[in-house]
Amino acid sequence: MTSSTVRRLLAGAAVGGLLLTGLGVLGAERHGAGRPDPGPSRDGLVEVAAAADVPVASAASPAVSRVPKLPGGGTRVFGKHRFLVAYYGTAGTGSLGVLGETAPDEMHRRLRRAARPFVLEGERIQTVYELIVTVADPIAGPDGDFSHDIATDSVRAYIEAAHRNGALVVLDLQPGRADFLTVAKRWAWALADPWVGLALDPEWRMGPRQVPGRVIGSVGAPEVNKVSAWLADLVEREGLPEKAFVLHQFRSTMIRDVERVRSRDGLATVQHVDGFGNQGQKLATYHAVARPGQFAMGFKLFYDEDVNLFSPARVRTIRPAVRFVSYQ
């Protein structure tokens, strides 16, 4: 266990008291329907502040089901030549990542500046907020599962900011001793939003006698498949666009029988490689675990832990090609 991981974990234990700092309670609202696809802006960033099509019905005709559009149009996460760039962290604190260092709208402005250099000709950059909503803890807590959920008002604040700013949201789960499906179902209300996806972080999936921060966790393919089946069913049942389904990994042992992880209609499954270090170490980790024939590929950049941080231009030369980058 690295000292960096321990620092992140201990900081996470203190997050609960910081969650509401600077975050107001923002009521949910529907945004305008039927807007035309604006296409990429001049710098390739998706600039849409409203969800697109919503179901329409009239007294003269039966209800017509119309799948809501993702930011910038379309219903596929990587459709319309999207390249995803995320800030990662939790609400109200920067101790777990850059996302929580500032309030959501200021964070978005910083994310746009970080994302802009990744764009290649013909692409559009899609900004993403990867928000840790269930945080692993070094103590059992009242439920004995070594994790806690952040405040729902904080989650709503990021979802509302995403709709204002044309961003996707990915809810990140660090479940401790709980299983991923049990924890994911607690966030079903948020995942019903058409712009909200899900990430599983097996580093923090503990066995019955394990404690976060003392060991690197893991998950088996059957548990991943149960979550993806439930999430794909939610997409179909609610008539939602495709959702990002992100699997974090930096050791081959973190996802057991990874070759048995199933693809699902309605989900864009991403294997997000998270190892930190110098460029050679990060590439070695990436090449050791990457399965580009099975997943879209993701790559994490650590502002503090990485040595000689990859530039956006350098990331775009990595093979197999990266389609989703996150900063922590």
C-alpha atoms as a PDB file:
ATOM      1  CA  MET A   1       0.000   0.000   0.000  1.00  0.00           C
ATOM      2  CA  THR A   2       1.484   3.298  -1.069  1.00  0.00           C
ATOM      3  CA  SER A   3       1.589   6.301   1.220  1.00  0.00           C
ATOM      4  CA  SER A   4      -0.404   8.202  -1.402  1.00  0.00           C
ATOM      5  CA  THR A   5      -3.246   5.682  -1.221  1.00  0.00           C
ATOM      6  CA  VAL A   6      -3.296   5.832   2.556  1.00  0.00           C
ATOM      7  CA  ARG A   7      -3.414   9.645   2.458  1.00  0.00           C
ATOM      8  CA  ARG A   8      -6.325   9.521   0.030  1.00  0.00           C
ATOM      9  CA  LEU A   9      -8.190   7.030   2.188  1.00  0.00           C
ATOM     10  CA  LEU A  10      -7.697   8.912   5.457  1.00  0.00           C
ATOM     11  CA  ALA A  11      -8.742  12.113   3.755  1.00  0.00           C
ATOM     12  CA  GLY A  12     -11.864  10.327   2.542  1.00  0.00           C
ATOM     13  CA  ALA A  13     -12.850   9.460   6.089  1.00  0.00           C
ATOM     14  CA  ALA A  14     -13.126  13.172   6.837  1.00  0.00           C
ATOM     15  CA  VAL A  15     -15.127  14.007   3.744  1.00  0.00           C
ATOM     16  CA  GLY A  16     -18.523  13.551   5.364  1.00  0.00           C
ATOM     17  CA  GLY A  17     -18.307  16.779   7.314  1.00  0.00           C
ATOM     18  CA  LEU A  18     -17.191  18.776   4.279  1.00  0.00           C
ATOM     19  CA  LEU A  19     -19.728  17.656   1.724  1.00  0.00           C
ATOM     20  CA  LEU A  20     -22.045  20.639   1.860  1.00  0.00           C
ATOM     21  CA  THR A  21     -19.344  23.316   1.812  1.00  0.00           C
ATOM     22  CA  GLY A  22     -20.151  25.866  -0.856  1.00  0.00           C
ATOM     23  CA  LEU A  23     -22.953  23.736  -2.338  1.00  0.00           C
ATOM     24  CA  GLY A  24     -26.527  24.966  -2.396  1.00  0.00           C
ATOM     25  CA  VAL A  25     -29.525  22.724  -2.776  1.00  0.00           C
ATOM     26  CA  LEU A  26     -30.534  22.952  -6.422  1.00  0.00           C
ATOM     27  CA  GLY A  27     -33.984  21.735  -7.441  1.00  0.00           C
ATOM     28  CA  ALA A  28     -34.268  19.347 -10.349  1.00  0.00           C
ATOM     29  CA  GLU A  29     -35.698  20.809 -13.532  1.00  0.00           C
ATOM     30  CA  ARG A  30     -36.379  19.712 -17.069  1.00  0.00           C
ATOM     31  CA  HIS A  31     -34.625  21.556 -19.839  1.00  0.00           C
ATOM     32  CA  GLY A  32     -35.772  22.591 -23.302  1.00  0.00           C
ATOM     33  CA  ALA A  33     -36.681  19.916 -25.812  1.00  0.00           C
ATOM     34  CA  GLY A  34     -36.211  19.541 -29.525  1.00  0.00           C
ATOM     35  CA  ARG A  35     -33.173  21.742 -29.965  1.00  0.00           C
ATOM     36  CA  PRO A  36     -31.033  21.164 -33.077  1.00  0.00           C
ATOM     37  CA  ASP A  37     -27.624  19.569 -32.768  1.00  0.00           C
ATOM     38  CA  PRO A  38     -25.224  22.522 -32.521  1.00  0.00           C
ATOM     39  CA  GLY A  39     -22.207  20.501 -33.591  1.00  0.00           C
ATOM     40  CA  PRO A  40     -18.772  21.072 -32.105  1.00  0.00           C
ATOM     41  CA  SER A  41     -17.791  24.580 -31.114  1.00  0.00           C
ATOM     42  CA  ARG A  42     -14.728  26.150 -32.675  1.00  0.00           C
ATOM     43  CA  ASP A  43     -12.475  24.571 -30.039  1.00  0.00           C
ATOM     44  CA  GLY A  44     -14.203  21.187 -30.256  1.00  0.00           C
ATOM     45  CA  LEU A  45     -15.897  21.429 -26.861  1.00  0.00           C
ATOM     46  CA  VAL A  46     -19.522  20.418 -26.602  1.00  0.00           C
ATOM     47  CA  GLU A  47     -21.439  23.506 -25.513  1.00  0.00           C
ATOM     48  CA  VAL A  48     -25.016  22.542 -24.675  1.00  0.00           C
ATOM     49  CA  ALA A  49     -26.899  23.702 -21.607  1.00  0.00           C
ATOM     50  CA  ALA A  50     -30.132  21.769 -22.055  1.00  0.00           C
ATOM     51  CA  ALA A  51     -31.195  18.156 -22.287  1.00  0.00           C
ATOM     52  CA  ALA A  52     -32.750  17.533 -25.658  1.00  0.00           C
ATOM     53  CA  ASP A  53     -35.814  15.504 -26.524  1.00  0.00           C
ATOM     54  CA  VAL A  54     -38.228  14.427 -23.776  1.00  0.00           C
ATOM     55  CA  PRO A  55     -41.312  12.214 -24.068  1.00  0.00           C
ATOM     56  CA  VAL A  56     -44.246  13.959 -25.744  1.00  0.00           C
ATOM     57  CA  ALA A  57     -47.947  13.132 -25.478  1.00  0.00           C
ATOM     58  CA  SER A  58     -51.198  14.821 -26.437  1.00  0.00           C
ATOM     59  CA  ALA A  59     -54.874  14.226 -25.775  1.00  0.00           C
ATOM     60  CA  ALA A  60     -55.377  13.409 -29.441  1.00  0.00           C
ATOM     61  CA  SER A  61     -52.673  10.765 -29.696  1.00  0.00           C
ATOM     62  CA  PRO A  62     -51.016   8.124 -27.539  1.00  0.00           C
ATOM     63  CA  ALA A  63     -47.749   8.890 -25.758  1.00  0.00           C
ATOM     64  CA  VAL A  64     -44.709   8.883 -27.998  1.00  0.00           C
ATOM     65  CA  SER A  65     -41.501   7.659 -26.424  1.00  0.00           C
ATOM     66  CA  ARG A  66     -38.453   9.626 -27.522  1.00  0.00           C
ATOM     67  CA  VAL A  67     -34.976   8.837 -26.199  1.00  0.00           C
ATOM     68  CA  PRO A  68     -33.365  11.925 -24.630  1.00  0.00           C
ATOM     69  CA  LYS A  69     -30.227  13.149 -26.341  1.00  0.00           C
ATOM     70  CA  LEU A  70     -26.780  13.346 -24.794  1.00  0.00           C
ATOM     71  CA  PRO A  71     -24.975  16.721 -24.700  1.00  0.00           C
ATOM     72  CA  GLY A  72     -24.367  17.826 -28.274  1.00  0.00           C
ATOM     73  CA  GLY A  73     -26.917  15.370 -29.664  1.00  0.00           C
ATOM     74  CA  GLY A  74     -27.095  11.672 -30.342  1.00  0.00           C
ATOM     75  CA  THR A  75     -27.606   8.803 -27.919  1.00  0.00           C
ATOM     76  CA  ARG A  76     -24.206   7.059 -27.966  1.00  0.00           C
ATOM     77  CA  VAL A  77     -21.495   8.021 -25.477  1.00  0.00           C
ATOM     78  CA  PHE A  78     -18.709   7.871 -28.060  1.00  0.00           C
ATOM     79  CA  GLY A  79     -20.936   8.837 -30.983  1.00  0.00           C
ATOM     80  CA  LYS A  80     -20.482  12.051 -32.959  1.00  0.00           C
ATOM     81  CA  HIS A  81     -16.696  11.627 -32.612  1.00  0.00           C
ATOM     82  CA  ARG A  82     -16.669  12.352 -28.889  1.00  0.00           C
ATOM     83  CA  PHE A  83     -13.460  12.223 -26.833  1.00  0.00           C
ATOM     84  CA  LEU A  84     -14.182  12.280 -23.106  1.00  0.00           C
ATOM     85  CA  VAL A  85     -12.197  14.309 -20.557  1.00  0.00           C
ATOM     86  CA  ALA A  86     -13.108  14.206 -16.863  1.00  0.00           C
ATOM     87  CA  TYR A  87     -12.254  15.745 -13.548  1.00  0.00           C
ATOM     88  CA  TYR A  88     -12.361  13.169 -10.749  1.00  0.00           C
ATOM     89  CA  GLY A  89     -13.017  13.608  -7.032  1.00  0.00           C
ATOM     90  CA  THR A  90     -15.787  14.129  -4.523  1.00  0.00           C
ATOM     91  CA  ALA A  91     -17.905  17.054  -3.408  1.00  0.00           C
ATOM     92  CA  GLY A  92     -16.674  19.802  -1.128  1.00  0.00           C
ATOM     93  CA  THR A  93     -13.001  18.840  -0.810  1.00  0.00           C
ATOM     94  CA  GLY A  94      -9.928  18.504  -3.016  1.00  0.00           C
ATOM     95  CA  SER A  95      -8.444  15.727  -0.887  1.00  0.00           C
ATOM     96  CA  LEU A  96      -9.732  13.002  -3.219  1.00  0.00           C
ATOM     97  CA  GLY A  97      -9.233  14.773  -6.516  1.00  0.00           C
ATOM     98  CA  VAL A  98      -9.385  17.993  -8.471  1.00  0.00           C
ATOM     99  CA  LEU A  99     -13.151  17.892  -9.023  1.00  0.00           C
ATOM    100  CA  GLY A 100     -13.916  18.972  -5.446  1.00  0.00           C
ATOM    101  CA  GLU A 101     -11.367  21.794  -5.182  1.00  0.00           C
ATOM    102  CA  THR A 102     -13.899  24.425  -6.298  1.00  0.00           C
ATOM    103  CA  ALA A 103     -17.654  24.777  -6.675  1.00  0.00           C
ATOM    104  CA  PRO A 104     -19.150  22.923  -9.673  1.00  0.00           C
ATOM    105  CA  ASP A 105     -19.367  25.787 -12.161  1.00  0.00           C
ATOM    106  CA  GLU A 106     -15.825  27.002 -11.460  1.00  0.00           C
ATOM    107  CA  MET A 107     -14.643  23.395 -11.683  1.00  0.00           C
ATOM    108  CA  HIS A 108     -16.286  23.157 -15.103  1.00  0.00           C
ATOM    109  CA  ARG A 109     -14.425  26.217 -16.356  1.00  0.00           C
ATOM    110  CA  ARG A 110     -11.133  24.666 -15.231  1.00  0.00           C
ATOM    111  CA  LEU A 111     -12.077  21.347 -16.827  1.00  0.00           C
ATOM    112  CA  ARG A 112     -12.817  23.039 -20.157  1.00  0.00           C
ATOM    113  CA  ARG A 113      -9.364  24.607 -20.162  1.00  0.00           C
ATOM    114  CA  ALA A 114      -7.745  21.244 -19.369  1.00  0.00           C
ATOM    115  CA  ALA A 115      -9.827  19.421 -21.986  1.00  0.00           C
ATOM    116  CA  ARG A 116      -9.351  21.756 -24.931  1.00  0.00           C
ATOM    117  CA  PRO A 117      -5.818  20.577 -25.934  1.00  0.00           C
ATOM    118  CA  PHE A 118      -6.999  16.970 -26.385  1.00  0.00           C
ATOM    119  CA  VAL A 119      -9.164  17.676 -29.408  1.00  0.00           C
ATOM    120  CA  LEU A 120      -8.146  16.397 -32.829  1.00  0.00           C
ATOM    121  CA  GLU A 121      -9.591  17.544 -36.129  1.00  0.00           C
ATOM    122  CA  GLY A 122     -13.131  16.313 -36.636  1.00  0.00           C
ATOM    123  CA  GLU A 123     -13.656  15.459 -32.968  1.00  0.00           C
ATOM    124  CA  ARG A 124     -15.649  17.025 -30.202  1.00  0.00           C
ATOM    125  CA  ILE A 125     -14.553  17.053 -26.587  1.00  0.00           C
ATOM    126  CA  GLN A 126     -17.140  15.883 -24.078  1.00  0.00           C
ATOM    127  CA  THR A 127     -16.534  17.069 -20.517  1.00  0.00           C
ATOM    128  CA  VAL A 128     -17.333  14.645 -17.694  1.00  0.00           C
ATOM    129  CA  TYR A 129     -17.683  15.016 -13.922  1.00  0.00           C
ATOM    130  CA  GLU A 130     -16.586  11.761 -12.265  1.00  0.00           C
ATOM    131  CA  LEU A 131     -18.010  12.185  -8.785  1.00  0.00           C
ATOM    132  CA  ILE A 132     -17.210   9.737  -5.973  1.00  0.00           C
ATOM    133  CA  VAL A 133     -20.616   9.261  -4.354  1.00  0.00           C
ATOM    134  CA  THR A 134     -19.777   6.298  -2.116  1.00  0.00           C
ATOM    135  CA  VAL A 135     -16.423   6.813  -0.376  1.00  0.00           C
ATOM    136  CA  ALA A 136     -14.345   4.032   1.219  1.00  0.00           C
ATOM    137  CA  ASP A 137     -13.483   4.494   4.908  1.00  0.00           C
ATOM    138  CA  PRO A 138     -10.806   2.982   7.196  1.00  0.00           C
ATOM    139  CA  ILE A 139     -13.444   2.430   9.914  1.00  0.00           C
ATOM    140  CA  ALA A 140     -16.534   0.241   9.786  1.00  0.00           C
ATOM    141  CA  GLY A 141     -19.133   2.960  10.318  1.00  0.00           C
ATOM    142  CA  PRO A 142     -22.699   2.388  11.489  1.00  0.00           C
ATOM    143  CA  ASP A 143     -23.477  -0.113   8.720  1.00  0.00           C
ATOM    144  CA  GLY A 144     -20.215  -2.012   9.139  1.00  0.00           C
ATOM    145  CA  ASP A 145     -19.391  -1.719   5.435  1.00  0.00           C
ATOM    146  CA  PHE A 146     -16.371   0.622   5.631  1.00  0.00           C
ATOM    147  CA  SER A 147     -17.865   3.214   3.315  1.00  0.00           C
ATOM    148  CA  HIS A 148     -20.320   6.121   3.350  1.00  0.00           C
ATOM    149  CA  ASP A 149     -22.517   7.907   0.821  1.00  0.00           C
ATOM    150  CA  ILE A 150     -22.110  11.619   0.267  1.00  0.00           C
ATOM    151  CA  ALA A 151     -25.129  13.908   0.657  1.00  0.00           C
ATOM    152  CA  THR A 152     -27.782  13.630  -2.041  1.00  0.00           C
ATOM    153  CA  ASP A 153     -27.975  17.430  -2.257  1.00  0.00           C
ATOM    154  CA  SER A 154     -24.326  17.490  -3.284  1.00  0.00           C
ATOM    155  CA  VAL A 155     -24.954  14.937  -6.024  1.00  0.00           C
ATOM    156  CA  ARG A 156     -27.914  16.926  -7.289  1.00  0.00           C
ATOM    157  CA  ALA A 157     -25.736  20.033  -7.400  1.00  0.00           C
ATOM    158  CA  TYR A 158     -23.280  18.343  -9.782  1.00  0.00           C
ATOM    159  CA  ILE A 159     -26.046  16.912 -11.960  1.00  0.00           C
ATOM    160  CA  GLU A 160     -27.661  20.332 -12.238  1.00  0.00           C
ATOM    161  CA  ALA A 161     -24.276  21.872 -13.087  1.00  0.00           C
ATOM    162  CA  ALA A 162     -23.805  19.223 -15.788  1.00  0.00           C
ATOM    163  CA  HIS A 163     -27.125  20.181 -17.375  1.00  0.00           C
ATOM    164  CA  ARG A 164     -26.196  23.855 -17.271  1.00  0.00           C
ATOM    165  CA  ASN A 165     -22.800  23.198 -18.843  1.00  0.00           C
ATOM    166  CA  GLY A 166     -23.387  20.332 -21.274  1.00  0.00           C
ATOM    167  CA  ALA A 167     -21.362  17.768 -19.297  1.00  0.00           C
ATOM    168  CA  LEU A 168     -21.859  14.103 -18.472  1.00  0.00           C
ATOM    169  CA  VAL A 169     -21.716  12.828 -14.888  1.00  0.00           C
ATOM    170  CA  VAL A 170     -20.250   9.480 -13.820  1.00  0.00           C
ATOM    171  CA  LEU A 171     -21.021   8.278 -10.291  1.00  0.00           C
ATOM    172  CA  ASP A 172     -17.976   6.519  -8.836  1.00  0.00           C
ATOM    173  CA  LEU A 173     -18.466   3.772  -6.216  1.00  0.00           C
ATOM    174  CA  GLN A 174     -15.928   2.807  -3.519  1.00  0.00           C
ATOM    175  CA  PRO A 175     -18.104   0.283  -1.662  1.00  0.00           C
ATOM    176  CA  GLY A 176     -15.814  -1.060   1.070  1.00  0.00           C
ATOM    177  CA  ARG A 177     -17.257  -4.392   2.216  1.00  0.00           C
ATOM    178  CA  ALA A 178     -20.610  -3.857   0.497  1.00  0.00           C
ATOM    179  CA  ASP A 179     -21.175  -5.315  -2.959  1.00  0.00           C
ATOM    180  CA  PHE A 180     -21.335  -3.028  -5.982  1.00  0.00           C
ATOM    181  CA  LEU A 181     -24.937  -3.838  -6.927  1.00  0.00           C
ATOM    182  CA  THR A 182     -26.302  -3.040  -3.470  1.00  0.00           C
ATOM    183  CA  VAL A 183     -24.521   0.313  -3.506  1.00  0.00           C
ATOM    184  CA  ALA A 184     -25.435   1.124  -7.116  1.00  0.00           C
ATOM    185  CA  LYS A 185     -29.139   0.635  -6.392  1.00  0.00           C
ATOM    186  CA  ARG A 186     -28.974   3.345  -3.738  1.00  0.00           C
ATOM    187  CA  TRP A 187     -28.126   5.754  -6.563  1.00  0.00           C
ATOM    188  CA  ALA A 188     -30.881   4.636  -8.948  1.00  0.00           C
ATOM    189  CA  TRP A 189     -32.615   8.011  -8.594  1.00  0.00           C
ATOM    190  CA  ALA A 190     -29.530   9.763 -10.000  1.00  0.00           C
ATOM    191  CA  LEU A 191     -28.829   7.132 -12.646  1.00  0.00           C
ATOM    192  CA  ALA A 192     -32.335   7.721 -14.012  1.00  0.00           C
ATOM    193  CA  ASP A 193     -30.996  11.033 -15.353  1.00  0.00           C
ATOM    194  CA  PRO A 194     -30.089  10.575 -19.034  1.00  0.00           C
ATOM    195  CA  TRP A 195     -26.675  12.204 -18.614  1.00  0.00           C
ATOM    196  CA  VAL A 196     -25.508  10.168 -15.585  1.00  0.00           C
ATOM    197  CA  GLY A 197     -23.354   7.026 -15.842  1.00  0.00           C
ATOM    198  CA  LEU A 198     -21.646   4.706 -13.374  1.00  0.00           C
ATOM    199  CA  ALA A 199     -18.072   3.727 -12.417  1.00  0.00           C
ATOM    200  CA  LEU A 200     -16.925   0.777 -10.311  1.00  0.00           C
ATOM    201  CA  ASP A 201     -13.621   1.150  -8.429  1.00  0.00           C
ATOM    202  CA  PRO A 202     -12.484  -2.362  -7.412  1.00  0.00           C
ATOM    203  CA  GLU A 203      -9.478  -0.980  -5.516  1.00  0.00           C
ATOM    204  CA  TRP A 204     -12.003  -0.230  -2.745  1.00  0.00           C
ATOM    205  CA  ARG A 205     -14.114  -3.431  -2.986  1.00  0.00           C
ATOM    206  CA  MET A 206     -13.122  -5.307   0.147  1.00  0.00           C
ATOM    207  CA  GLY A 207     -13.541  -8.899   1.209  1.00  0.00           C
ATOM    208  CA  PRO A 208     -15.232  -9.801   4.515  1.00  0.00           C
ATOM    209  CA  ARG A 209     -12.068  -9.343   6.605  1.00  0.00           C
ATOM    210  CA  GLN A 210     -10.354  -6.635   4.579  1.00  0.00           C
ATOM    211  CA  VAL A 211     -10.031  -2.950   5.441  1.00  0.00           C
ATOM    212  CA  PRO A 212      -9.720  -0.176   2.849  1.00  0.00           C
ATOM    213  CA  GLY A 213      -6.234   1.292   2.741  1.00  0.00           C
ATOM    214  CA  ARG A 214      -4.581  -1.887   3.996  1.00  0.00           C
ATOM    215  CA  VAL A 215      -5.093  -3.964   0.851  1.00  0.00           C
ATOM    216  CA  ILE A 216      -5.909  -3.399  -2.809  1.00  0.00           C
ATOM    217  CA  GLY A 217      -9.416  -4.700  -3.374  1.00  0.00           C
ATOM    218  CA  SER A 218     -10.867  -6.671  -6.253  1.00  0.00           C
ATOM    219  CA  VAL A 219     -14.111  -7.798  -7.840  1.00  0.00           C
ATOM    220  CA  GLY A 220     -15.103 -10.804  -9.905  1.00  0.00           C
ATOM    221  CA  ALA A 221     -16.686 -10.691 -13.338  1.00  0.00           C
ATOM    222  CA  PRO A 222     -20.017 -12.123 -12.067  1.00  0.00           C
ATOM    223  CA  GLU A 223     -20.497  -9.139  -9.733  1.00  0.00           C
ATOM    224  CA  VAL A 224     -19.622  -6.689 -12.510  1.00  0.00           C
ATOM    225  CA  ASN A 225     -22.086  -8.451 -14.802  1.00  0.00           C
ATOM    226  CA  LYS A 226     -24.880  -8.201 -12.236  1.00  0.00           C
ATOM    227  CA  VAL A 227     -24.349  -4.443 -12.037  1.00  0.00           C
ATOM    228  CA  SER A 228     -24.199  -3.986 -15.790  1.00  0.00           C
ATOM    229  CA  ALA A 229     -27.349  -6.100 -16.282  1.00  0.00           C
ATOM    230  CA  TRP A 230     -29.224  -3.978 -13.739  1.00  0.00           C
ATOM    231  CA  LEU A 231     -27.970  -0.725 -15.285  1.00  0.00           C
ATOM    232  CA  ALA A 232     -28.765  -1.844 -18.847  1.00  0.00           C
ATOM    233  CA  ASP A 233     -32.259  -2.782 -17.695  1.00  0.00           C
ATOM    234  CA  LEU A 234     -32.667   0.703 -16.206  1.00  0.00           C
ATOM    235  CA  VAL A 235     -31.633   2.241 -19.542  1.00  0.00           C
ATOM    236  CA  GLU A 236     -34.144   0.129 -21.467  1.00  0.00           C
ATOM    237  CA  ARG A 237     -36.973   0.500 -18.957  1.00  0.00           C
ATOM    238  CA  GLU A 238     -36.660   4.275 -18.705  1.00  0.00           C
ATOM    239  CA  GLY A 239     -35.963   4.873 -22.396  1.00  0.00           C
ATOM    240  CA  LEU A 240     -32.557   6.453 -21.732  1.00  0.00           C
ATOM    241  CA  PRO A 241     -29.594   7.090 -24.022  1.00  0.00           C
ATOM    242  CA  GLU A 242     -26.465   4.980 -23.682  1.00  0.00           C
ATOM    243  CA  LYS A 243     -24.640   5.333 -20.365  1.00  0.00           C
ATOM    244  CA  ALA A 244     -20.929   5.291 -19.594  1.00  0.00           C
ATOM    245  CA  PHE A 245     -20.057   2.225 -17.511  1.00  0.00           C
ATOM    246  CA  VAL A 246     -16.496   2.609 -16.253  1.00  0.00           C
ATOM    247  CA  LEU A 247     -14.313  -0.099 -14.688  1.00  0.00           C
ATOM    248  CA  HIS A 248     -11.217   1.202 -12.927  1.00  0.00           C
ATOM    249  CA  GLN A 249      -8.161  -1.043 -12.922  1.00  0.00           C
ATOM    250  CA  PHE A 250      -4.393  -0.875 -12.435  1.00  0.00           C
ATOM    251  CA  ARG A 251      -3.613  -4.515 -11.605  1.00  0.00           C
ATOM    252  CA  SER A 252      -4.678  -7.612 -13.493  1.00  0.00           C
ATOM    253  CA  THR A 253      -5.950  -9.123 -10.219  1.00  0.00           C
ATOM    254  CA  MET A 254      -8.392  -6.249  -9.562  1.00  0.00           C
ATOM    255  CA  ILE A 255     -11.017  -7.658 -11.957  1.00  0.00           C
ATOM    256  CA  ARG A 256     -10.997 -11.436 -11.704  1.00  0.00           C
ATOM    257  CA  ASP A 257     -11.890 -13.283 -14.928  1.00  0.00           C
ATOM    258  CA  VAL A 258     -12.034  -9.958 -16.723  1.00  0.00           C
ATOM    259  CA  GLU A 259     -12.479 -11.751 -20.046  1.00  0.00           C
ATOM    260  CA  ARG A 260     -15.929 -12.801 -18.801  1.00  0.00           C
ATOM    261  CA  VAL A 261     -17.150  -9.251 -18.278  1.00  0.00           C
ATOM    262  CA  ARG A 262     -20.078  -8.904 -20.650  1.00  0.00           C
ATOM    263  CA  SER A 263     -20.891  -6.068 -23.008  1.00  0.00           C
ATOM    264  CA  ARG A 264     -24.425  -4.718 -22.783  1.00  0.00           C
ATOM    265  CA  ASP A 265     -26.703  -2.859 -25.125  1.00  0.00           C
ATOM    266  CA  GLY A 266     -27.225   0.586 -23.687  1.00  0.00           C
ATOM    267  CA  LEU A 267     -23.833   0.776 -21.971  1.00  0.00           C
ATOM    268  CA  ALA A 268     -20.494   2.080 -23.241  1.00  0.00           C
ATOM    269  CA  THR A 269     -18.100   0.025 -21.128  1.00  0.00           C
ATOM    270  CA  VAL A 270     -14.728   1.644 -20.444  1.00  0.00           C
ATOM    271  CA  GLN A 271     -11.660   0.001 -18.905  1.00  0.00           C
ATOM    272  CA  HIS A 272     -10.030   2.940 -17.160  1.00  0.00           C
ATOM    273  CA  VAL A 273      -6.363   2.327 -16.339  1.00  0.00           C
ATOM    274  CA  ASP A 274      -5.361   4.221 -13.194  1.00  0.00           C
ATOM    275  CA  GLY A 275      -1.742   3.506 -12.378  1.00  0.00           C
ATOM    276  CA  PHE A 276       0.427   6.459 -11.358  1.00  0.00           C
ATOM    277  CA  GLY A 277       4.170   7.029 -11.594  1.00  0.00           C
ATOM    278  CA  ASN A 278       6.497   8.150 -14.345  1.00  0.00           C
ATOM    279  CA  GLN A 279       5.555   7.828 -17.991  1.00  0.00           C
ATOM    280  CA  GLY A 280       7.314   4.512 -18.460  1.00  0.00           C
ATOM    281  CA  GLN A 281       5.593   2.995 -15.420  1.00  0.00           C
ATOM    282  CA  LYS A 282       2.193   4.254 -16.486  1.00  0.00           C
ATOM    283  CA  LEU A 283       2.564   2.847 -19.982  1.00  0.00           C
ATOM    284  CA  ALA A 284       3.759  -0.497 -18.600  1.00  0.00           C
ATOM    285  CA  THR A 285       0.651  -0.680 -16.408  1.00  0.00           C
ATOM    286  CA  TYR A 286      -1.582   0.293 -19.301  1.00  0.00           C
ATOM    287  CA  HIS A 287      -0.160  -2.301 -21.650  1.00  0.00           C
ATOM    288  CA  ALA A 288      -0.276  -5.001 -18.961  1.00  0.00           C
ATOM    289  CA  VAL A 289      -4.018  -4.719 -18.357  1.00  0.00           C
ATOM    290  CA  ALA A 290      -5.538  -3.088 -21.466  1.00  0.00           C
ATOM    291  CA  ARG A 291      -8.178  -5.087 -23.336  1.00  0.00           C
ATOM    292  CA  PRO A 292      -9.085  -2.844 -26.289  1.00  0.00           C
ATOM    293  CA  GLY A 293     -10.919  -5.628 -28.095  1.00  0.00           C
ATOM    294  CA  GLN A 294     -13.345  -5.838 -25.181  1.00  0.00           C
ATOM    295  CA  PHE A 295     -13.612  -2.272 -23.869  1.00  0.00           C
ATOM    296  CA  ALA A 296     -13.186   1.355 -24.829  1.00  0.00           C
ATOM    297  CA  MET A 297      -9.959   2.493 -23.191  1.00  0.00           C
ATOM    298  CA  GLY A 298      -9.515   5.107 -20.468  1.00  0.00           C
ATOM    299  CA  PHE A 299      -6.393   6.607 -18.916  1.00  0.00           C
ATOM    300  CA  LYS A 300      -5.989   8.554 -15.671  1.00  0.00           C
ATOM    301  CA  LEU A 301      -3.600  11.456 -15.072  1.00  0.00           C
ATOM    302  CA  PHE A 302      -2.621  12.353 -11.504  1.00  0.00           C
ATOM    303  CA  TYR A 303      -1.684  15.976 -10.937  1.00  0.00           C
ATOM    304  CA  ASP A 304       0.184  15.203  -7.707  1.00  0.00           C
ATOM    305  CA  GLU A 305       1.425  11.605  -7.963  1.00  0.00           C
ATOM    306  CA  ASP A 306       2.530  11.379 -11.599  1.00  0.00           C
ATOM    307  CA  VAL A 307       6.137  12.198 -12.481  1.00  0.00           C
ATOM    308  CA  ASN A 308       6.488  14.168 -15.732  1.00  0.00           C
ATOM    309  CA  LEU A 309       2.747  14.359 -16.341  1.00  0.00           C
ATOM    310  CA  PHE A 310       1.650  13.255 -19.806  1.00  0.00           C
ATOM    311  CA  SER A 311       0.707  16.123 -22.085  1.00  0.00           C
ATOM    312  CA  PRO A 312      -2.588  15.875 -23.981  1.00  0.00           C
ATOM    313  CA  ALA A 313      -0.653  15.495 -27.236  1.00  0.00           C
ATOM    314  CA  ARG A 314       1.339  12.592 -25.770  1.00  0.00           C
ATOM    315  CA  VAL A 315      -1.814  10.886 -24.500  1.00  0.00           C
ATOM    316  CA  ARG A 316      -3.257  10.964 -28.001  1.00  0.00           C
ATOM    317  CA  THR A 317      -0.277   8.938 -29.292  1.00  0.00           C
ATOM    318  CA  ILE A 318      -0.814   6.067 -26.820  1.00  0.00           C
ATOM    319  CA  ARG A 319      -1.737   2.749 -28.410  1.00  0.00           C
ATOM    320  CA  PRO A 320      -4.159   1.123 -28.011  1.00  0.00           C
ATOM    321  CA  ALA A 321      -5.875   4.472 -28.401  1.00  0.00           C
ATOM    322  CA  VAL A 322      -7.376   6.188 -25.368  1.00  0.00           C
ATOM    323  CA  ARG A 323     -10.944   7.499 -25.657  1.00  0.00           C
ATOM    324  CA  PHE A 324     -11.551   8.738 -22.097  1.00  0.00           C
ATOM    325  CA  VAL A 325      -9.045  10.678 -19.963  1.00  0.00           C
ATOM    326  CA  SER A 326      -9.590  11.730 -16.369  1.00  0.00           C
ATOM    327  CA  TYR A 327      -7.581  14.037 -14.130  1.00  0.00           C
ATOM    328  CA  GLN A 328      -7.304  13.440 -10.397  1.00  0.00           C
END
